[in-house]
N, C-alpha and C. Protein backbone atom coordinates (compact mmCIF):
# COMPACT_ATOMS: atom_id res chain seq x y z
N UNK A 1 7.38 14.02 -8.77
CA UNK A 1 8.32 12.91 -8.71
C UNK A 1 8.38 12.20 -10.06
N UNK A 2 9.56 11.80 -10.46
CA UNK A 2 9.70 11.11 -11.75
C UNK A 2 9.18 9.68 -11.71
N UNK A 3 9.01 9.11 -10.51
CA UNK A 3 8.55 7.73 -10.40
C UNK A 3 7.03 7.69 -10.32
N UNK A 4 6.40 7.33 -11.42
CA UNK A 4 4.93 7.22 -11.43
C UNK A 4 4.48 5.80 -11.08
N UNK A 5 5.40 5.02 -10.57
CA UNK A 5 5.03 3.82 -9.85
C UNK A 5 4.70 2.58 -10.66
N UNK A 6 4.46 1.52 -9.91
CA UNK A 6 3.91 0.28 -10.44
C UNK A 6 2.42 0.31 -10.12
N UNK A 7 1.60 -0.16 -11.05
CA UNK A 7 0.15 -0.07 -10.87
C UNK A 7 -0.37 -1.22 -10.01
N UNK A 8 -1.02 -0.86 -8.92
CA UNK A 8 -1.71 -1.83 -8.07
C UNK A 8 -3.20 -1.59 -8.23
N UNK A 9 -3.95 -2.66 -8.49
CA UNK A 9 -5.39 -2.55 -8.70
C UNK A 9 -6.11 -3.54 -7.80
N UNK A 10 -7.03 -3.02 -7.01
CA UNK A 10 -7.91 -3.85 -6.19
C UNK A 10 -9.28 -3.85 -6.85
N UNK A 11 -9.78 -5.03 -7.19
CA UNK A 11 -11.06 -5.15 -7.88
C UNK A 11 -12.04 -5.98 -7.05
N UNK A 12 -13.14 -5.37 -6.67
CA UNK A 12 -14.24 -6.09 -6.04
C UNK A 12 -15.27 -6.37 -7.13
N UNK A 13 -15.41 -7.64 -7.50
CA UNK A 13 -16.25 -8.02 -8.63
C UNK A 13 -17.52 -8.68 -8.10
N UNK A 14 -18.66 -8.10 -8.45
CA UNK A 14 -19.94 -8.67 -8.02
C UNK A 14 -20.17 -10.04 -8.65
N UNK A 15 -20.76 -10.95 -7.88
CA UNK A 15 -20.97 -12.31 -8.37
C UNK A 15 -21.97 -12.37 -9.52
N UNK A 16 -22.78 -11.30 -9.68
CA UNK A 16 -23.75 -11.27 -10.77
C UNK A 16 -23.19 -10.62 -12.03
N UNK A 17 -21.96 -10.21 -12.00
CA UNK A 17 -21.33 -9.60 -13.18
C UNK A 17 -20.93 -10.70 -14.17
N UNK A 18 -21.20 -10.45 -15.44
CA UNK A 18 -20.76 -11.37 -16.50
C UNK A 18 -19.84 -10.58 -17.44
N UNK A 19 -18.59 -10.98 -17.51
CA UNK A 19 -17.60 -10.27 -18.31
C UNK A 19 -17.46 -10.95 -19.67
N UNK A 20 -17.60 -10.18 -20.74
CA UNK A 20 -17.50 -10.74 -22.09
C UNK A 20 -16.41 -10.00 -22.87
N UNK A 21 -16.01 -10.59 -23.99
CA UNK A 21 -15.09 -9.91 -24.90
C UNK A 21 -13.62 -10.06 -24.56
N UNK A 22 -13.30 -10.91 -23.60
CA UNK A 22 -11.90 -11.11 -23.24
C UNK A 22 -11.73 -11.30 -21.75
N UNK A 23 -10.50 -11.42 -21.33
CA UNK A 23 -10.21 -11.65 -19.92
C UNK A 23 -10.17 -10.35 -19.13
N UNK A 24 -10.69 -10.40 -17.93
CA UNK A 24 -10.71 -9.22 -17.07
C UNK A 24 -9.30 -8.70 -16.81
N UNK A 25 -8.36 -9.60 -16.54
CA UNK A 25 -6.98 -9.20 -16.27
C UNK A 25 -6.37 -8.48 -17.47
N UNK A 26 -6.68 -8.96 -18.67
CA UNK A 26 -6.18 -8.31 -19.88
C UNK A 26 -6.74 -6.90 -20.02
N UNK A 27 -8.01 -6.73 -19.66
CA UNK A 27 -8.64 -5.41 -19.74
C UNK A 27 -7.98 -4.44 -18.76
N UNK A 28 -7.69 -4.92 -17.55
CA UNK A 28 -7.01 -4.07 -16.57
C UNK A 28 -5.64 -3.64 -17.08
N UNK A 29 -4.88 -4.57 -17.62
CA UNK A 29 -3.55 -4.24 -18.13
C UNK A 29 -3.62 -3.32 -19.34
N UNK A 30 -4.64 -3.48 -20.18
CA UNK A 30 -4.81 -2.58 -21.32
C UNK A 30 -5.09 -1.16 -20.83
N UNK A 31 -5.89 -1.06 -19.77
CA UNK A 31 -6.18 0.24 -19.19
C UNK A 31 -4.95 0.90 -18.60
N UNK A 32 -4.13 0.11 -17.92
CA UNK A 32 -2.88 0.62 -17.35
C UNK A 32 -1.95 1.10 -18.46
N UNK A 33 -1.79 0.30 -19.49
CA UNK A 33 -0.91 0.67 -20.60
C UNK A 33 -1.37 1.96 -21.26
N UNK A 34 -2.68 2.09 -21.47
CA UNK A 34 -3.21 3.30 -22.10
C UNK A 34 -3.00 4.52 -21.20
N UNK A 35 -3.20 4.34 -19.91
CA UNK A 35 -3.05 5.46 -18.98
C UNK A 35 -1.62 5.96 -18.95
N UNK A 36 -0.67 5.05 -18.93
CA UNK A 36 0.73 5.47 -18.87
C UNK A 36 1.20 6.08 -20.19
N UNK A 37 0.64 5.61 -21.30
CA UNK A 37 1.01 6.16 -22.60
C UNK A 37 0.38 7.54 -22.79
N UNK A 38 -0.92 7.64 -22.58
CA UNK A 38 -1.63 8.90 -22.82
C UNK A 38 -1.27 9.96 -21.77
N UNK A 39 -0.91 9.50 -20.58
CA UNK A 39 -0.56 10.44 -19.52
C UNK A 39 0.91 10.83 -19.51
N UNK A 40 1.69 10.28 -20.44
CA UNK A 40 3.13 10.55 -20.52
C UNK A 40 3.82 10.24 -19.18
N UNK A 41 3.41 9.13 -18.58
CA UNK A 41 3.98 8.73 -17.29
C UNK A 41 5.19 7.83 -17.51
N UNK A 42 6.15 7.93 -16.62
CA UNK A 42 7.35 7.12 -16.75
C UNK A 42 7.00 5.64 -16.63
N UNK A 43 7.55 4.84 -17.50
CA UNK A 43 7.27 3.40 -17.52
C UNK A 43 8.40 2.69 -16.79
N UNK A 44 8.06 2.06 -15.67
CA UNK A 44 9.08 1.61 -14.72
C UNK A 44 9.12 0.11 -14.48
N UNK A 45 8.28 -0.66 -15.18
CA UNK A 45 8.16 -2.10 -14.88
C UNK A 45 9.09 -2.91 -15.78
N UNK A 46 9.83 -3.85 -15.16
CA UNK A 46 10.69 -4.76 -15.92
C UNK A 46 10.08 -6.16 -15.91
N UNK A 47 10.26 -6.86 -17.02
CA UNK A 47 9.62 -8.16 -17.20
C UNK A 47 10.19 -9.23 -16.28
N UNK A 48 11.49 -9.23 -16.10
CA UNK A 48 12.16 -10.20 -15.24
C UNK A 48 12.91 -9.45 -14.15
N UNK A 49 12.69 -9.80 -12.89
CA UNK A 49 13.38 -9.11 -11.81
C UNK A 49 14.90 -9.16 -11.90
N UNK A 50 15.44 -10.18 -12.58
CA UNK A 50 16.89 -10.33 -12.68
C UNK A 50 17.46 -9.74 -13.97
N UNK A 51 16.76 -9.91 -15.08
CA UNK A 51 17.28 -9.44 -16.36
C UNK A 51 17.01 -7.96 -16.60
N UNK A 52 15.97 -7.41 -15.96
CA UNK A 52 15.70 -5.97 -15.93
C UNK A 52 15.36 -5.37 -17.29
N UNK A 53 14.67 -6.09 -18.14
CA UNK A 53 14.23 -5.54 -19.42
C UNK A 53 12.86 -4.88 -19.26
N UNK A 54 12.77 -3.60 -19.61
CA UNK A 54 11.54 -2.84 -19.42
C UNK A 54 10.43 -3.35 -20.33
N UNK A 55 9.21 -3.48 -19.78
CA UNK A 55 8.08 -3.96 -20.59
C UNK A 55 7.57 -2.89 -21.56
N UNK A 56 7.92 -1.64 -21.33
CA UNK A 56 7.59 -0.58 -22.27
C UNK A 56 6.24 0.08 -22.08
N UNK A 57 5.37 -0.47 -21.24
CA UNK A 57 4.06 0.15 -21.06
C UNK A 57 3.58 0.10 -19.59
N UNK A 58 4.48 -0.20 -18.69
CA UNK A 58 4.23 -0.27 -17.25
C UNK A 58 3.30 -1.41 -16.83
N UNK A 59 3.09 -2.36 -17.71
CA UNK A 59 2.33 -3.56 -17.33
C UNK A 59 3.32 -4.70 -17.12
N UNK A 60 2.88 -5.75 -16.41
CA UNK A 60 1.54 -5.96 -15.88
C UNK A 60 1.32 -5.24 -14.55
N UNK A 61 0.06 -4.95 -14.28
CA UNK A 61 -0.32 -4.43 -12.98
C UNK A 61 -0.33 -5.57 -11.96
N UNK A 62 -0.26 -5.22 -10.69
CA UNK A 62 -0.50 -6.20 -9.62
C UNK A 62 -1.98 -6.13 -9.30
N UNK A 63 -2.70 -7.20 -9.59
CA UNK A 63 -4.16 -7.22 -9.50
C UNK A 63 -4.64 -8.13 -8.39
N UNK A 64 -5.44 -7.56 -7.49
CA UNK A 64 -6.08 -8.34 -6.43
C UNK A 64 -7.58 -8.32 -6.70
N UNK A 65 -8.15 -9.49 -6.96
CA UNK A 65 -9.57 -9.60 -7.30
C UNK A 65 -10.32 -10.34 -6.20
N UNK A 66 -11.45 -9.76 -5.78
CA UNK A 66 -12.27 -10.36 -4.73
C UNK A 66 -13.71 -10.44 -5.21
N UNK A 67 -14.31 -11.62 -5.09
CA UNK A 67 -15.72 -11.77 -5.42
C UNK A 67 -16.57 -11.25 -4.27
N UNK A 68 -17.63 -10.51 -4.61
CA UNK A 68 -18.51 -9.97 -3.58
C UNK A 68 -19.94 -9.97 -4.12
N UNK A 69 -20.86 -9.53 -3.32
CA UNK A 69 -22.26 -9.48 -3.75
C UNK A 69 -22.47 -8.33 -4.74
N UNK A 70 -23.49 -8.48 -5.60
CA UNK A 70 -23.87 -7.38 -6.47
C UNK A 70 -23.58 -7.60 -7.93
N UNK A 71 -23.89 -6.56 -8.73
CA UNK A 71 -23.71 -6.63 -10.18
C UNK A 71 -22.84 -5.49 -10.70
N UNK A 72 -21.90 -5.08 -9.88
CA UNK A 72 -20.98 -4.00 -10.26
C UNK A 72 -19.53 -4.44 -10.02
N UNK A 73 -18.62 -3.70 -10.59
CA UNK A 73 -17.19 -3.89 -10.33
C UNK A 73 -16.65 -2.61 -9.71
N UNK A 74 -16.04 -2.74 -8.56
CA UNK A 74 -15.44 -1.58 -7.90
C UNK A 74 -13.93 -1.68 -8.07
N UNK A 75 -13.34 -0.67 -8.70
CA UNK A 75 -11.92 -0.65 -8.97
C UNK A 75 -11.22 0.41 -8.13
N UNK A 76 -10.16 0.00 -7.48
CA UNK A 76 -9.30 0.93 -6.75
C UNK A 76 -7.91 0.83 -7.38
N UNK A 77 -7.45 1.92 -7.97
CA UNK A 77 -6.16 1.94 -8.66
C UNK A 77 -5.17 2.78 -7.87
N UNK A 78 -3.96 2.25 -7.72
CA UNK A 78 -2.93 2.92 -6.94
C UNK A 78 -1.57 2.79 -7.63
N UNK A 79 -1.05 3.86 -8.23
CA UNK A 79 0.30 3.82 -8.78
C UNK A 79 1.31 4.06 -7.65
N UNK A 80 2.10 3.05 -7.32
CA UNK A 80 2.94 3.10 -6.12
C UNK A 80 4.41 3.19 -6.48
N UNK A 81 5.03 4.31 -6.16
CA UNK A 81 6.45 4.49 -6.40
C UNK A 81 7.29 3.60 -5.50
N UNK A 82 8.49 3.27 -5.95
CA UNK A 82 9.30 2.30 -5.22
C UNK A 82 10.36 2.92 -4.33
N UNK A 83 10.53 4.23 -4.39
CA UNK A 83 11.41 4.86 -3.40
C UNK A 83 10.87 4.63 -2.01
N UNK A 84 9.53 4.67 -1.89
CA UNK A 84 8.89 4.39 -0.61
C UNK A 84 8.62 2.90 -0.42
N UNK A 85 8.25 2.21 -1.50
CA UNK A 85 7.96 0.77 -1.41
C UNK A 85 9.16 0.00 -0.88
N UNK A 86 10.36 0.42 -1.30
CA UNK A 86 11.57 -0.27 -0.88
C UNK A 86 11.86 -0.14 0.61
N UNK A 87 11.23 0.80 1.26
CA UNK A 87 11.45 1.03 2.69
C UNK A 87 10.47 0.24 3.56
N UNK A 88 9.59 -0.55 2.95
CA UNK A 88 8.57 -1.29 3.67
C UNK A 88 9.15 -2.56 4.30
N UNK A 89 8.47 -3.04 5.36
CA UNK A 89 8.98 -4.20 6.09
C UNK A 89 7.82 -5.05 6.60
N UNK A 90 8.15 -6.30 6.92
CA UNK A 90 7.18 -7.19 7.55
C UNK A 90 7.88 -7.96 8.65
N UNK A 91 7.15 -8.25 9.71
CA UNK A 91 7.72 -9.02 10.81
C UNK A 91 6.68 -9.97 11.36
N UNK A 92 7.11 -11.19 11.60
CA UNK A 92 6.23 -12.19 12.21
C UNK A 92 6.46 -12.16 13.71
N UNK A 93 5.62 -11.44 14.41
CA UNK A 93 5.75 -11.31 15.86
C UNK A 93 5.29 -12.58 16.56
N UNK A 94 5.81 -12.77 17.74
CA UNK A 94 5.27 -13.78 18.65
C UNK A 94 3.87 -13.32 19.06
N UNK A 95 2.90 -14.23 19.15
CA UNK A 95 1.54 -13.81 19.49
C UNK A 95 1.41 -13.15 20.86
N UNK A 96 2.41 -13.26 21.68
CA UNK A 96 2.38 -12.60 22.99
C UNK A 96 2.94 -11.18 22.94
N UNK A 97 3.30 -10.71 21.75
CA UNK A 97 3.87 -9.37 21.62
C UNK A 97 2.88 -8.31 22.11
N UNK A 98 3.42 -7.27 22.69
CA UNK A 98 2.61 -6.18 23.21
C UNK A 98 2.43 -5.09 22.13
N UNK A 99 1.41 -4.28 22.31
CA UNK A 99 1.14 -3.20 21.36
C UNK A 99 2.35 -2.28 21.23
N UNK A 100 3.04 -2.06 22.35
CA UNK A 100 4.22 -1.19 22.32
C UNK A 100 5.28 -1.70 21.33
N UNK A 101 5.41 -3.02 21.24
CA UNK A 101 6.40 -3.60 20.33
C UNK A 101 6.01 -3.34 18.87
N UNK A 102 4.74 -3.39 18.59
CA UNK A 102 4.27 -3.12 17.23
C UNK A 102 4.51 -1.65 16.88
N UNK A 103 4.18 -0.77 17.79
CA UNK A 103 4.41 0.66 17.57
C UNK A 103 5.89 0.93 17.32
N UNK A 104 6.75 0.30 18.11
CA UNK A 104 8.19 0.52 17.96
C UNK A 104 8.72 -0.07 16.65
N UNK A 105 8.11 -1.15 16.19
CA UNK A 105 8.50 -1.73 14.90
C UNK A 105 8.20 -0.74 13.76
N UNK A 106 7.03 -0.13 13.81
CA UNK A 106 6.68 0.86 12.80
C UNK A 106 7.62 2.06 12.90
N UNK A 107 7.86 2.50 14.11
CA UNK A 107 8.77 3.64 14.33
C UNK A 107 10.15 3.33 13.77
N UNK A 108 10.66 2.16 14.07
CA UNK A 108 12.00 1.77 13.62
C UNK A 108 12.07 1.70 12.10
N UNK A 109 11.00 1.20 11.48
CA UNK A 109 10.94 1.14 10.02
C UNK A 109 11.06 2.53 9.41
N UNK A 110 10.32 3.48 9.96
CA UNK A 110 10.35 4.85 9.46
C UNK A 110 11.69 5.51 9.75
N UNK A 111 12.20 5.28 10.93
CA UNK A 111 13.46 5.93 11.32
C UNK A 111 14.62 5.45 10.44
N UNK A 112 14.65 4.12 10.19
CA UNK A 112 15.70 3.58 9.33
C UNK A 112 15.58 4.07 7.90
N UNK A 113 14.36 4.32 7.46
CA UNK A 113 14.14 4.80 6.09
C UNK A 113 14.67 6.21 5.90
N UNK A 114 14.61 7.02 6.95
CA UNK A 114 15.09 8.39 6.86
C UNK A 114 14.38 9.17 5.77
N UNK A 115 15.15 9.88 4.94
CA UNK A 115 14.56 10.68 3.89
C UNK A 115 14.31 9.93 2.60
N UNK A 116 14.70 8.65 2.52
CA UNK A 116 14.58 7.89 1.27
C UNK A 116 13.16 7.81 0.70
N UNK A 117 12.12 7.63 1.53
CA UNK A 117 10.77 7.51 0.96
C UNK A 117 10.06 8.84 0.73
N UNK A 118 10.80 9.96 0.82
CA UNK A 118 10.25 11.30 0.59
C UNK A 118 9.15 11.67 1.59
N UNK A 119 9.48 11.71 2.88
CA UNK A 119 8.49 12.16 3.85
C UNK A 119 8.14 13.63 3.64
N UNK A 120 6.95 14.05 4.13
CA UNK A 120 6.08 13.36 5.07
C UNK A 120 5.32 12.19 4.44
N UNK A 121 5.13 11.15 5.23
CA UNK A 121 4.65 9.87 4.75
C UNK A 121 3.19 9.61 5.07
N UNK A 122 2.63 8.66 4.34
CA UNK A 122 1.41 7.97 4.75
C UNK A 122 1.84 6.54 5.03
N UNK A 123 1.45 6.02 6.18
CA UNK A 123 1.90 4.70 6.61
C UNK A 123 0.72 3.73 6.65
N UNK A 124 0.85 2.64 5.92
CA UNK A 124 -0.15 1.59 5.97
C UNK A 124 0.37 0.43 6.80
N UNK A 125 -0.45 -0.02 7.74
CA UNK A 125 -0.07 -1.13 8.61
C UNK A 125 -1.08 -2.26 8.45
N UNK A 126 -0.57 -3.46 8.12
CA UNK A 126 -1.41 -4.64 8.04
C UNK A 126 -1.18 -5.51 9.26
N UNK A 127 -2.25 -5.86 9.92
CA UNK A 127 -2.19 -6.58 11.19
C UNK A 127 -2.94 -7.90 11.06
N UNK A 128 -2.25 -9.02 11.26
CA UNK A 128 -2.92 -10.32 11.23
C UNK A 128 -2.88 -10.97 9.86
N UNK A 129 -3.79 -11.91 9.65
CA UNK A 129 -3.77 -12.67 8.41
C UNK A 129 -2.61 -13.63 8.39
N UNK A 130 -1.77 -13.51 7.36
CA UNK A 130 -0.61 -14.37 7.19
C UNK A 130 0.56 -13.51 6.73
N UNK A 131 1.70 -14.14 6.47
CA UNK A 131 2.88 -13.42 6.00
C UNK A 131 2.56 -12.58 4.76
N UNK A 132 1.88 -13.19 3.80
CA UNK A 132 1.58 -12.48 2.56
C UNK A 132 0.39 -11.55 2.69
N UNK A 133 -0.65 -11.97 3.42
CA UNK A 133 -1.87 -11.17 3.46
C UNK A 133 -1.70 -9.91 4.31
N UNK A 134 -0.84 -9.95 5.29
CA UNK A 134 -0.58 -8.76 6.09
C UNK A 134 -0.05 -7.63 5.19
N UNK A 135 0.79 -8.00 4.22
CA UNK A 135 1.33 -7.00 3.29
C UNK A 135 0.25 -6.43 2.39
N UNK A 136 -0.69 -7.27 1.97
CA UNK A 136 -1.80 -6.78 1.15
C UNK A 136 -2.65 -5.81 1.96
N UNK A 137 -2.92 -6.14 3.22
CA UNK A 137 -3.68 -5.25 4.09
C UNK A 137 -2.99 -3.89 4.25
N UNK A 138 -1.66 -3.93 4.42
CA UNK A 138 -0.91 -2.69 4.58
C UNK A 138 -0.99 -1.84 3.33
N UNK A 139 -0.92 -2.48 2.16
CA UNK A 139 -1.03 -1.74 0.91
C UNK A 139 -2.41 -1.10 0.79
N UNK A 140 -3.45 -1.87 1.07
CA UNK A 140 -4.81 -1.35 0.93
C UNK A 140 -5.10 -0.24 1.93
N UNK A 141 -4.46 -0.31 3.09
CA UNK A 141 -4.65 0.73 4.11
C UNK A 141 -4.24 2.10 3.59
N UNK A 142 -3.30 2.13 2.68
CA UNK A 142 -2.82 3.40 2.13
C UNK A 142 -3.90 4.14 1.35
N UNK A 143 -4.90 3.43 0.88
CA UNK A 143 -5.95 4.05 0.07
C UNK A 143 -7.06 4.67 0.90
N UNK A 144 -7.03 4.44 2.21
CA UNK A 144 -8.05 5.06 3.05
C UNK A 144 -7.79 6.57 3.13
N UNK A 145 -8.84 7.34 3.08
CA UNK A 145 -8.70 8.79 3.11
C UNK A 145 -8.00 9.26 4.38
N UNK A 146 -7.05 10.16 4.21
CA UNK A 146 -6.35 10.73 5.37
C UNK A 146 -7.37 11.41 6.27
N UNK A 147 -7.31 11.10 7.55
CA UNK A 147 -8.24 11.67 8.52
C UNK A 147 -9.37 10.73 8.90
N UNK A 148 -9.51 9.62 8.17
CA UNK A 148 -10.56 8.64 8.48
C UNK A 148 -9.94 7.46 9.21
N UNK A 149 -10.40 7.24 10.45
CA UNK A 149 -9.85 6.18 11.28
C UNK A 149 -10.54 4.84 11.03
N UNK A 150 -9.81 3.77 11.27
CA UNK A 150 -10.41 2.46 11.49
C UNK A 150 -10.79 2.46 12.96
N UNK A 151 -12.08 2.61 13.25
CA UNK A 151 -12.50 2.85 14.63
C UNK A 151 -12.04 1.76 15.59
N UNK A 152 -11.97 0.53 15.11
CA UNK A 152 -11.52 -0.56 15.98
C UNK A 152 -10.07 -0.36 16.41
N UNK A 153 -9.29 0.30 15.56
CA UNK A 153 -7.85 0.47 15.83
C UNK A 153 -7.45 1.95 15.89
N UNK A 154 -8.41 2.80 16.20
CA UNK A 154 -8.15 4.24 16.26
C UNK A 154 -6.99 4.56 17.21
N UNK A 155 -7.00 3.99 18.40
CA UNK A 155 -5.96 4.29 19.38
C UNK A 155 -4.58 3.87 18.86
N UNK A 156 -4.51 2.70 18.21
CA UNK A 156 -3.24 2.24 17.67
C UNK A 156 -2.76 3.17 16.55
N UNK A 157 -3.66 3.60 15.68
CA UNK A 157 -3.29 4.53 14.61
C UNK A 157 -2.75 5.83 15.18
N UNK A 158 -3.41 6.33 16.20
CA UNK A 158 -2.98 7.58 16.81
C UNK A 158 -1.63 7.43 17.49
N UNK A 159 -1.41 6.30 18.14
CA UNK A 159 -0.13 6.07 18.81
C UNK A 159 1.01 5.96 17.81
N UNK A 160 0.76 5.26 16.71
CA UNK A 160 1.79 5.12 15.68
C UNK A 160 2.15 6.48 15.10
N UNK A 161 1.14 7.27 14.75
CA UNK A 161 1.40 8.58 14.16
C UNK A 161 2.17 9.47 15.13
N UNK A 162 1.75 9.46 16.37
CA UNK A 162 2.42 10.29 17.39
C UNK A 162 3.88 9.86 17.57
N UNK A 163 4.12 8.56 17.64
CA UNK A 163 5.46 8.05 17.86
C UNK A 163 6.36 8.32 16.66
N UNK A 164 5.84 8.11 15.46
CA UNK A 164 6.63 8.35 14.26
C UNK A 164 7.04 9.82 14.15
N UNK A 165 6.15 10.70 14.53
CA UNK A 165 6.46 12.12 14.44
C UNK A 165 7.40 12.59 15.55
N UNK A 166 7.72 11.70 16.46
CA UNK A 166 8.75 11.99 17.46
C UNK A 166 10.15 11.62 16.94
N UNK A 167 10.20 11.03 15.75
CA UNK A 167 11.47 10.53 15.23
C UNK A 167 12.43 11.64 14.83
N UNK A 168 11.89 12.81 14.49
CA UNK A 168 12.74 13.92 14.07
C UNK A 168 13.20 13.83 12.63
N UNK A 169 12.74 12.81 11.89
CA UNK A 169 13.14 12.68 10.48
C UNK A 169 12.69 13.90 9.68
N UNK A 170 11.41 14.22 9.79
CA UNK A 170 10.87 15.42 9.17
C UNK A 170 10.75 15.37 7.66
N UNK A 171 10.15 16.41 7.05
CA UNK A 171 9.98 16.46 5.60
C UNK A 171 11.32 16.32 4.86
N UNK A 172 11.33 15.43 3.87
CA UNK A 172 12.53 15.15 3.06
C UNK A 172 13.71 14.67 3.89
N UNK A 173 13.45 14.27 5.14
CA UNK A 173 14.53 13.79 6.00
C UNK A 173 15.40 14.91 6.54
N UNK A 174 14.92 16.15 6.47
CA UNK A 174 15.73 17.31 6.87
C UNK A 174 15.47 17.75 8.31
N UNK A 175 14.66 16.97 9.02
CA UNK A 175 14.37 17.29 10.42
C UNK A 175 13.03 17.99 10.58
N UNK A 176 12.42 17.75 11.72
CA UNK A 176 11.12 18.36 11.99
C UNK A 176 10.18 17.39 12.67
N UNK A 177 9.00 17.87 12.97
CA UNK A 177 8.04 17.04 13.72
C UNK A 177 6.88 16.55 12.86
N UNK A 178 7.01 16.64 11.53
CA UNK A 178 5.98 16.10 10.63
C UNK A 178 6.64 15.09 9.69
N UNK A 179 6.94 13.93 10.25
CA UNK A 179 7.52 12.85 9.45
C UNK A 179 6.43 12.09 8.72
N UNK A 180 5.24 11.99 9.32
CA UNK A 180 4.12 11.29 8.71
C UNK A 180 2.86 12.14 8.79
N UNK A 181 2.04 12.05 7.75
CA UNK A 181 0.76 12.74 7.72
C UNK A 181 -0.36 11.89 8.30
N UNK A 182 -0.19 10.55 8.19
CA UNK A 182 -1.26 9.66 8.62
C UNK A 182 -0.74 8.25 8.77
N UNK A 183 -1.38 7.50 9.65
CA UNK A 183 -1.11 6.08 9.81
C UNK A 183 -2.45 5.35 9.80
N UNK A 184 -2.58 4.37 8.92
CA UNK A 184 -3.83 3.63 8.78
C UNK A 184 -3.59 2.15 9.02
N UNK A 185 -4.43 1.55 9.84
CA UNK A 185 -4.30 0.14 10.19
C UNK A 185 -5.47 -0.64 9.61
N UNK A 186 -5.16 -1.74 8.92
CA UNK A 186 -6.18 -2.70 8.49
C UNK A 186 -5.82 -4.05 9.10
N UNK A 187 -6.83 -4.77 9.56
CA UNK A 187 -6.57 -6.03 10.28
C UNK A 187 -7.43 -7.16 9.74
N UNK A 188 -6.97 -8.39 10.05
CA UNK A 188 -7.68 -9.60 9.64
C UNK A 188 -7.40 -10.67 10.68
N UNK A 189 -8.35 -11.59 10.91
CA UNK A 189 -8.09 -12.68 11.86
C UNK A 189 -6.82 -13.44 11.49
N UNK A 190 -6.17 -14.02 12.48
CA UNK A 190 -4.93 -14.75 12.23
C UNK A 190 -4.88 -16.03 13.05
N UNK A 191 -3.82 -16.78 12.89
CA UNK A 191 -3.64 -18.06 13.57
C UNK A 191 -3.22 -17.82 15.03
N UNK A 192 -3.56 -18.76 15.91
CA UNK A 192 -3.21 -18.61 17.33
C UNK A 192 -1.71 -18.53 17.56
N UNK A 193 -0.93 -19.06 16.62
CA UNK A 193 0.52 -19.09 16.82
C UNK A 193 1.24 -17.90 16.19
N UNK A 194 0.50 -16.99 15.56
CA UNK A 194 1.18 -15.91 14.84
C UNK A 194 0.60 -14.54 15.09
N UNK A 195 1.39 -13.52 14.75
CA UNK A 195 0.96 -12.13 14.77
C UNK A 195 1.76 -11.37 13.69
N UNK A 196 1.37 -11.54 12.42
CA UNK A 196 2.08 -10.85 11.34
C UNK A 196 1.78 -9.35 11.39
N UNK A 197 2.82 -8.55 11.15
CA UNK A 197 2.66 -7.10 11.06
C UNK A 197 3.46 -6.61 9.86
N UNK A 198 2.79 -5.96 8.93
CA UNK A 198 3.45 -5.41 7.74
C UNK A 198 3.32 -3.89 7.76
N UNK A 199 4.39 -3.23 7.32
CA UNK A 199 4.40 -1.77 7.23
C UNK A 199 4.69 -1.40 5.78
N UNK A 200 3.72 -0.78 5.13
CA UNK A 200 3.92 -0.32 3.75
C UNK A 200 4.02 1.21 3.77
N UNK A 201 5.18 1.70 3.40
CA UNK A 201 5.45 3.12 3.43
C UNK A 201 5.06 3.75 2.10
N UNK A 202 4.44 4.93 2.16
CA UNK A 202 4.13 5.68 0.95
C UNK A 202 4.54 7.13 1.13
N UNK A 203 4.92 7.76 0.05
CA UNK A 203 5.37 9.16 0.12
C UNK A 203 4.17 10.09 0.31
N UNK A 204 4.44 11.38 0.36
CA UNK A 204 3.38 12.35 0.63
C UNK A 204 2.31 12.39 -0.47
N UNK A 205 2.65 11.92 -1.68
CA UNK A 205 1.68 11.96 -2.78
C UNK A 205 0.57 10.91 -2.59
N UNK A 206 0.95 9.66 -2.39
CA UNK A 206 0.02 8.55 -2.16
C UNK A 206 -1.20 8.65 -3.07
N UNK A 207 -0.96 8.56 -4.36
CA UNK A 207 -2.04 8.71 -5.34
C UNK A 207 -2.90 7.46 -5.42
N UNK A 208 -4.19 7.66 -5.53
CA UNK A 208 -5.11 6.55 -5.76
C UNK A 208 -6.45 7.08 -6.23
N UNK A 209 -7.19 6.23 -6.93
CA UNK A 209 -8.52 6.64 -7.43
C UNK A 209 -9.43 5.42 -7.43
N UNK A 210 -10.72 5.69 -7.31
CA UNK A 210 -11.70 4.62 -7.20
C UNK A 210 -12.85 4.87 -8.17
N UNK A 211 -13.36 3.79 -8.74
CA UNK A 211 -14.47 3.88 -9.70
C UNK A 211 -15.35 2.65 -9.62
N UNK A 212 -16.66 2.84 -9.71
CA UNK A 212 -17.60 1.72 -9.76
C UNK A 212 -18.21 1.67 -11.14
N UNK A 213 -18.16 0.50 -11.79
CA UNK A 213 -18.72 0.34 -13.13
C UNK A 213 -19.74 -0.80 -13.13
């Protein structure tokens, strides 16, 4: 695919880590710029969403940093293409919504997308949290290895995958029973008045890499 994506980086930073020589965010962006230059990857990021001027090095990355225990930094890097990103959706369900409604929301998202996100897909679902955090959960769910369940939500993942593959969209939208390769659910506690559900669609490539330093 010609779209080598926008860089998303999840960083778990140990509280005992001391970073010197500059800002951590600057180091991440320098790494992204070097990777896209040395790897001859298409540079797709524009500085202003309205003016559309290319930054020339695919920075800045979207960086999510979390403090945790330890003296290491765990980096998860995900270059996410926007043919699939554009097909993603979020819905603020009523807290009385049934599981069937959530499954149908994911199904409808995939069905409406058709061949645009280059199926077969990997589907990330974020459940709970807030409007914004549900989307982060859905994005992070995409990095879980295909075939590895979230045991708490195994049944929901299986139902989503089964239902999506009944859509008939198929590879490249040409029809068939393999519209998605995997569905991964990540969840977080939420408010009594809400039930946010985000669906982040990814193409069959779903590239990501992890490193501990």
